[in-house]
N, C-alpha and C. Protein backbone atom coordinates (compact mmCIF):
# COMPACT_ATOMS: atom_id res chain seq x y z
N UNK A 1 100.96 130.95 254.82
CA UNK A 1 102.10 131.67 253.94
C UNK A 1 101.52 132.26 252.87
N UNK A 2 100.34 131.49 252.21
CA UNK A 2 99.80 132.00 251.03
C UNK A 2 98.96 133.08 251.53
N UNK A 3 98.44 133.02 252.70
CA UNK A 3 97.56 134.39 253.17
C UNK A 3 98.56 135.53 253.47
N UNK A 4 99.81 135.39 253.92
CA UNK A 4 100.60 136.49 254.07
C UNK A 4 100.98 137.14 252.59
N UNK A 5 101.21 136.38 251.58
CA UNK A 5 101.35 136.88 250.26
C UNK A 5 100.33 137.58 249.77
N UNK A 6 99.12 136.88 249.91
CA UNK A 6 98.05 137.79 249.37
C UNK A 6 97.59 138.95 250.16
N UNK A 7 97.82 138.94 251.42
CA UNK A 7 97.76 140.36 252.10
C UNK A 7 98.92 141.20 251.82
N UNK A 8 100.16 140.92 251.54
CA UNK A 8 101.19 141.70 251.12
C UNK A 8 100.83 142.13 249.72
N UNK A 9 100.12 141.47 248.90
CA UNK A 9 99.80 142.09 247.61
C UNK A 9 98.67 143.10 247.81
N UNK A 10 97.68 142.67 248.47
CA UNK A 10 96.46 143.72 248.85
C UNK A 10 97.01 145.07 249.42
N UNK A 11 98.14 144.86 250.32
CA UNK A 11 98.64 146.07 251.06
C UNK A 11 99.31 146.84 250.05
N UNK A 12 100.15 146.24 249.28
CA UNK A 12 100.89 147.00 248.10
C UNK A 12 100.08 147.61 247.29
N UNK A 13 99.07 147.20 246.72
CA UNK A 13 98.15 147.54 245.89
C UNK A 13 97.35 148.78 246.47
N UNK A 14 96.97 148.74 247.62
CA UNK A 14 96.31 149.86 248.37
C UNK A 14 97.29 150.86 248.55
N UNK A 15 98.56 150.62 248.89
CA UNK A 15 99.52 151.80 248.85
C UNK A 15 99.64 152.46 247.71
N UNK A 16 99.78 151.68 246.48
CA UNK A 16 99.96 152.29 245.26
C UNK A 16 98.67 153.16 244.90
N UNK A 17 97.59 152.64 245.12
CA UNK A 17 96.43 153.61 245.05
C UNK A 17 96.27 154.67 245.77
N UNK A 18 96.72 154.73 246.93
CA UNK A 18 96.78 155.96 247.87
C UNK A 18 97.77 157.00 247.49
N UNK A 19 98.94 156.25 247.15
CA UNK A 19 100.18 157.22 246.96
C UNK A 19 99.72 158.03 245.49
N UNK A 20 100.10 159.32 245.65
CA UNK A 20 99.84 160.06 244.36
C UNK A 20 100.68 159.97 243.15
N UNK A 21 100.35 160.13 241.97
CA UNK A 21 101.40 160.11 241.06
C UNK A 21 101.42 158.48 240.46
N UNK A 22 102.08 158.53 239.46
CA UNK A 22 102.23 157.10 238.68
C UNK A 22 103.38 156.57 239.15
N UNK A 23 103.41 155.17 239.72
CA UNK A 23 104.40 154.62 240.03
C UNK A 23 104.91 153.57 238.85
N UNK A 24 106.12 153.44 238.92
CA UNK A 24 106.84 152.67 237.80
C UNK A 24 107.03 151.16 238.44
N UNK A 25 106.21 150.59 239.17
CA UNK A 25 106.47 149.26 239.55
C UNK A 25 105.90 148.30 239.20
N UNK A 26 106.36 147.01 239.07
CA UNK A 26 105.73 145.89 238.54
C UNK A 26 105.03 145.15 239.70
N UNK A 27 104.22 144.10 239.31
CA UNK A 27 103.55 143.47 240.35
C UNK A 27 104.35 142.72 241.43
N UNK A 28 105.55 142.17 241.02
CA UNK A 28 106.51 141.81 241.90
C UNK A 28 106.98 142.73 242.87
N UNK A 29 107.37 143.92 242.48
CA UNK A 29 107.80 144.86 243.35
C UNK A 29 106.72 145.27 244.31
N UNK A 30 105.46 145.49 243.75
CA UNK A 30 104.29 145.88 244.54
C UNK A 30 104.17 144.78 245.58
N UNK A 31 104.17 143.42 245.30
CA UNK A 31 104.05 142.41 246.22
C UNK A 31 105.22 142.51 247.29
N UNK A 32 106.35 142.64 246.98
CA UNK A 32 107.60 142.58 247.82
C UNK A 32 107.47 143.94 248.92
N UNK A 33 106.95 145.07 248.32
CA UNK A 33 106.90 146.26 249.17
C UNK A 33 105.77 145.92 250.12
N UNK A 34 104.54 145.38 249.60
CA UNK A 34 103.65 145.19 250.43
C UNK A 34 103.77 144.18 251.63
N UNK A 35 104.83 143.29 251.26
CA UNK A 35 105.21 142.10 252.26
C UNK A 35 105.92 142.73 253.39
N UNK A 36 106.88 143.58 252.78
CA UNK A 36 107.92 144.34 253.86
C UNK A 36 106.93 145.17 254.70
N UNK A 37 106.06 145.92 254.05
CA UNK A 37 105.20 146.82 254.78
C UNK A 37 104.41 146.23 255.71
N UNK A 38 103.87 144.76 255.45
CA UNK A 38 102.99 144.17 256.34
C UNK A 38 103.74 143.59 257.58
N UNK A 39 105.03 143.25 257.40
CA UNK A 39 106.09 142.98 258.34
C UNK A 39 106.32 144.00 259.40
N UNK A 40 106.52 145.30 258.67
CA UNK A 40 106.70 146.46 259.52
C UNK A 40 105.45 146.75 260.45
N UNK A 41 104.18 146.55 259.72
CA UNK A 41 102.90 146.89 260.42
C UNK A 41 102.79 145.92 261.60
N UNK A 42 102.98 144.78 261.31
CA UNK A 42 102.71 143.58 262.35
C UNK A 42 103.81 143.75 263.49
N UNK A 43 105.02 144.17 263.22
CA UNK A 43 106.02 144.47 264.29
C UNK A 43 105.51 145.52 264.96
N UNK A 44 105.23 146.74 264.52
CA UNK A 44 104.73 147.92 265.14
C UNK A 44 103.46 147.44 266.31
N UNK A 45 102.61 146.76 265.67
CA UNK A 45 101.33 146.45 266.40
C UNK A 45 101.82 145.42 267.53
N UNK A 46 102.64 144.51 267.27
CA UNK A 46 103.25 143.81 268.21
C UNK A 46 103.81 144.48 269.52
N UNK A 47 104.68 145.58 269.03
CA UNK A 47 105.21 146.24 270.13
C UNK A 47 104.22 147.12 270.77
N UNK A 48 103.17 147.42 270.34
CA UNK A 48 102.10 148.26 270.98
C UNK A 48 101.16 147.25 271.76
N UNK A 49 101.24 146.22 271.65
CA UNK A 49 100.51 145.08 272.29
C UNK A 49 99.11 144.66 271.81
N UNK A 50 99.03 145.02 270.43
CA UNK A 50 97.62 144.92 269.90
C UNK A 50 97.49 143.70 269.07
N UNK A 51 98.55 142.82 269.00
CA UNK A 51 98.46 141.47 268.25
C UNK A 51 99.91 140.97 267.85
N UNK A 52 99.82 139.73 267.45
CA UNK A 52 101.04 139.35 267.01
C UNK A 52 101.54 139.79 265.66
N UNK A 53 102.82 139.43 265.39
CA UNK A 53 103.44 140.04 264.15
C UNK A 53 102.82 139.49 263.02
N UNK A 54 102.26 138.25 263.11
CA UNK A 54 101.83 137.44 261.81
C UNK A 54 100.39 137.60 261.90
N UNK A 55 99.73 138.11 262.85
CA UNK A 55 98.33 138.39 262.94
C UNK A 55 97.72 139.49 262.21
N UNK A 56 96.83 139.39 261.40
CA UNK A 56 96.26 140.65 260.84
C UNK A 56 95.23 141.37 261.66
N UNK A 57 95.40 142.72 262.10
CA UNK A 57 94.55 143.23 262.78
C UNK A 57 94.58 144.84 262.24
N UNK A 58 93.55 145.59 262.70
CA UNK A 58 93.32 146.92 262.20
C UNK A 58 94.49 147.83 262.25
N UNK A 59 95.10 147.83 263.45
CA UNK A 59 96.16 148.84 263.64
C UNK A 59 97.38 148.26 262.65
N UNK A 60 97.71 147.02 262.75
CA UNK A 60 98.77 146.50 261.98
C UNK A 60 98.52 146.66 260.46
N UNK A 61 97.23 146.53 259.90
CA UNK A 61 96.91 146.73 258.52
C UNK A 61 97.05 148.33 258.29
N UNK A 62 96.76 149.14 259.02
CA UNK A 62 96.80 150.53 258.68
C UNK A 62 98.43 150.90 258.78
N UNK A 63 98.96 150.53 259.77
CA UNK A 63 100.61 150.66 259.75
C UNK A 63 101.21 150.01 258.62
N UNK A 64 100.79 148.97 258.05
CA UNK A 64 101.35 148.31 256.92
C UNK A 64 101.37 149.17 255.65
N UNK A 65 99.92 149.64 255.51
CA UNK A 65 99.76 150.52 254.26
C UNK A 65 100.55 151.64 254.24
N UNK A 66 100.70 152.39 255.57
CA UNK A 66 101.44 153.57 255.64
C UNK A 66 102.94 153.21 255.30
N UNK A 67 103.45 152.22 255.93
CA UNK A 67 104.84 151.74 255.61
C UNK A 67 105.02 151.49 254.23
N UNK A 68 104.17 150.78 253.63
CA UNK A 68 104.27 150.45 252.09
C UNK A 68 104.31 151.80 251.27
N UNK A 69 103.50 152.81 251.45
CA UNK A 69 103.36 153.94 250.88
C UNK A 69 104.94 154.71 250.91
N UNK A 70 105.32 154.58 252.04
CA UNK A 70 106.85 155.27 252.37
C UNK A 70 107.75 154.32 251.57
N UNK A 71 107.71 153.06 251.65
CA UNK A 71 108.63 152.11 250.92
C UNK A 71 108.52 152.39 249.31
N UNK A 72 107.34 152.49 248.98
CA UNK A 72 107.15 152.96 247.42
C UNK A 72 107.76 154.25 246.98
N UNK A 73 107.80 155.24 247.82
CA UNK A 73 108.26 156.52 247.83
C UNK A 73 109.90 156.22 247.81
N UNK A 74 110.49 155.44 248.63
CA UNK A 74 112.00 155.15 248.58
C UNK A 74 112.18 154.47 247.33
N UNK A 75 111.62 153.47 246.87
CA UNK A 75 111.92 152.85 245.70
C UNK A 75 111.91 153.51 244.52
N UNK A 76 110.85 154.47 244.41
CA UNK A 76 110.92 155.39 243.39
C UNK A 76 112.02 156.45 243.18
N UNK A 77 112.49 156.93 244.52
CA UNK A 77 113.54 157.70 244.55
C UNK A 77 114.90 156.95 244.19
N UNK A 78 115.03 155.75 244.50
CA UNK A 78 116.08 154.87 244.28
C UNK A 78 116.12 154.68 242.77
N UNK A 79 114.98 154.25 242.19
CA UNK A 79 114.90 153.92 240.56
C UNK A 79 115.07 155.30 239.87
N UNK A 80 114.63 156.44 240.28
CA UNK A 80 114.76 157.60 239.66
C UNK A 80 116.37 157.99 239.64
N UNK A 81 117.04 157.83 240.85
CA UNK A 81 118.42 158.26 240.84
C UNK A 81 119.20 157.32 239.80
N UNK A 82 118.77 156.16 239.72
CA UNK A 82 119.66 155.16 238.80
C UNK A 82 119.39 155.56 237.43
N UNK A 83 118.17 156.02 237.25
CA UNK A 83 117.71 156.38 235.86
C UNK A 83 118.34 157.63 235.34
N UNK A 84 118.64 158.62 236.28
CA UNK A 84 119.35 159.91 235.93
C UNK A 84 120.81 159.62 235.75
N UNK A 85 121.32 158.80 236.64
CA UNK A 85 122.88 158.54 236.28
C UNK A 85 123.15 157.61 235.11
N UNK A 86 122.14 156.86 234.73
CA UNK A 86 122.32 155.97 233.49
C UNK A 86 122.45 156.86 232.19
N UNK A 87 121.76 157.96 232.18
CA UNK A 87 121.86 158.90 231.03
C UNK A 87 123.04 159.80 230.91
């Protein structure tokens, strides 16, 4: 479980580094998006037959980072819409 959290944090941090622009996400949001991304990556890798959902492999890792980048974009869009409607 601790390895899963650490992997989620690494994947979330990598996604934030790769995604252009400044993200207004804290470490908890980065961790959660990284964990969700890693579950998505593991699920896709499992469906493709390259490994188990909880197993870290190259394809799962790459898909997890891509999924996390997309999730960060969605989170920013939702936060941006909330910020605009608040004013």
